[in-house]
Structure formats: structure tokens, C-alpha cells
Amino acid sequence: MQNYKVEITRAARFDINEVFDFIARDNPVAAARFVKEMERQIRSLKKYPLRCPVIPEASELRREYRHMLYGAYRTIFKVGTKSVIIIR
């Protein structure tokens, strides 16, 4: 079983911070829990990232991006030979 290196782009890190800020307006504790769980899901991509489906718009983008859903949000990433790159 291969372990992939998970890398988060600057844009994706910005998105995570934006999600936190949005939720924290109403409930800072819930925002922290939400982001913590989202980051746990991202770390889980070290193993079996191909378990996640290819995004529906992949044919239009001509890239095989995959996604993972959490609540109303999705994490979009691409899988390389040894790494997973979190795009958004």
C-alpha cells in the first residue's frame, strides 16, 4: 500500500480560511470543529485517494481532478504518482 504525500496549495489554504471565517461569524467553536474535520479528511487522502470520484466537470477541464465532500463544501484535488495536490 502506497502512502501519498498530501500538499495543500496556497489557494486551497486561503479557501479553508475563508470557510472558517464564514462559519465563525455565527459560531467560532463550530468553525474550528468544521475546519478540523475538513483537515482530517484531507490527511486521509494519504491512503486511497482514488476512492474519491472524478469531478463531473473533469471532461470540460480536460483534467482528472477528484473531489471529496464535507457538508456543503468540497475539496478538489489531483492525484499524482506519489502525491495528492489539494487544489481548492
Protein backbone atom coordinates (compact mmCIF):
# COMPACT_ATOMS: atom_id res chain seq x y z
CA MET A 1 0.00 0.00 0.00
CA GLN A 2 1.44 3.33 -1.09
CA ASN A 3 1.35 6.44 1.07
CA TYR A 4 0.91 9.65 -0.89
CA LYS A 5 2.34 12.98 0.16
CA VAL A 6 -0.53 15.46 0.60
CA GLU A 7 0.23 19.03 -0.43
CA ILE A 8 -2.17 21.96 0.03
CA THR A 9 -1.87 24.83 -2.43
CA ARG A 10 -1.92 28.42 -1.26
CA ALA A 11 -5.33 28.89 -2.92
CA ALA A 12 -6.75 25.89 -1.05
CA ARG A 13 -5.35 27.14 2.27
CA PHE A 14 -6.99 30.50 1.56
CA ASP A 15 -10.30 28.72 0.86
CA ILE A 16 -10.10 26.85 4.17
CA ASN A 17 -9.51 30.12 6.00
CA GLU A 18 -12.48 31.68 4.21
CA VAL A 19 -14.72 28.79 5.26
CA PHE A 20 -13.55 29.21 8.84
CA ASP A 21 -14.22 32.96 8.78
CA PHE A 22 -17.68 32.48 7.29
CA ILE A 23 -18.78 29.91 9.88
CA ALA A 24 -17.06 31.76 12.74
CA ARG A 25 -19.25 34.81 12.21
CA ASP A 26 -22.06 32.85 13.85
CA ASN A 27 -20.22 30.20 15.83
CA PRO A 28 -16.42 30.22 16.30
CA VAL A 29 -16.43 26.85 18.08
CA ALA A 30 -18.35 25.20 15.24
CA ALA A 31 -15.98 26.81 12.73
CA ALA A 32 -12.95 25.32 14.49
CA ARG A 33 -14.59 21.86 14.61
CA PHE A 34 -15.59 22.08 10.96
CA VAL A 35 -12.12 23.02 9.75
CA LYS A 36 -10.50 20.41 12.00
CA GLU A 37 -12.68 17.70 10.44
CA MET A 38 -12.06 19.01 6.93
CA GLU A 39 -8.30 18.86 7.56
CA ARG A 40 -8.66 15.32 8.95
CA GLN A 41 -10.40 14.31 5.72
CA ILE A 42 -7.63 15.91 3.68
CA ARG A 43 -4.98 13.99 5.65
CA SER A 44 -6.92 10.77 4.98
CA LEU A 45 -6.01 11.16 1.31
CA LYS A 46 -2.54 9.84 2.17
CA LYS A 47 -4.10 6.43 1.66
CA TYR A 48 -6.54 5.53 -1.09
CA PRO A 49 -7.10 8.94 -2.73
CA LEU A 50 -8.53 7.16 -5.76
CA ARG A 51 -11.55 6.16 -3.64
CA CYS A 52 -12.95 9.63 -4.33
CA PRO A 53 -14.86 10.24 -7.56
CA VAL A 54 -13.69 12.28 -10.50
CA ILE A 55 -15.44 15.67 -10.57
CA PRO A 56 -18.35 15.96 -13.02
CA GLU A 57 -16.73 18.86 -14.89
CA ALA A 58 -13.48 16.94 -15.50
CA SER A 59 -14.20 16.39 -19.19
CA GLU A 60 -14.66 20.14 -19.71
CA LEU A 61 -11.44 20.91 -17.84
CA ARG A 62 -9.57 18.07 -19.53
CA ARG A 63 -8.05 17.15 -16.17
CA GLU A 64 -8.80 14.25 -13.89
CA TYR A 65 -9.50 16.15 -10.71
CA ARG A 66 -11.24 14.32 -7.90
CA HIS A 67 -13.31 15.58 -5.04
CA MET A 68 -14.35 14.80 -1.52
CA LEU A 69 -17.49 16.30 0.01
CA TYR A 70 -17.94 17.59 3.54
CA GLY A 71 -21.18 19.37 4.31
CA ALA A 72 -21.88 21.92 1.62
CA TYR A 73 -18.19 22.10 0.69
CA ARG A 74 -15.96 20.01 -1.48
CA THR A 75 -12.23 19.51 -1.60
CA ILE A 76 -10.89 19.32 -5.15
CA PHE A 77 -7.56 17.59 -5.71
CA LYS A 78 -5.41 15.80 -8.24
CA VAL A 79 -3.55 12.58 -7.71
CA GLY A 80 0.00 12.19 -8.95
CA THR A 81 2.24 9.15 -8.81
CA LYS A 82 3.43 9.93 -5.27
CA SER A 83 1.42 12.96 -4.18
CA VAL A 84 -2.04 14.40 -3.77
CA ILE A 85 -2.31 18.11 -4.53
CA ILE A 86 -5.24 19.92 -2.90
CA ILE A 87 -6.34 22.49 -5.47
CA ARG A 88 -9.39 24.13 -3.83
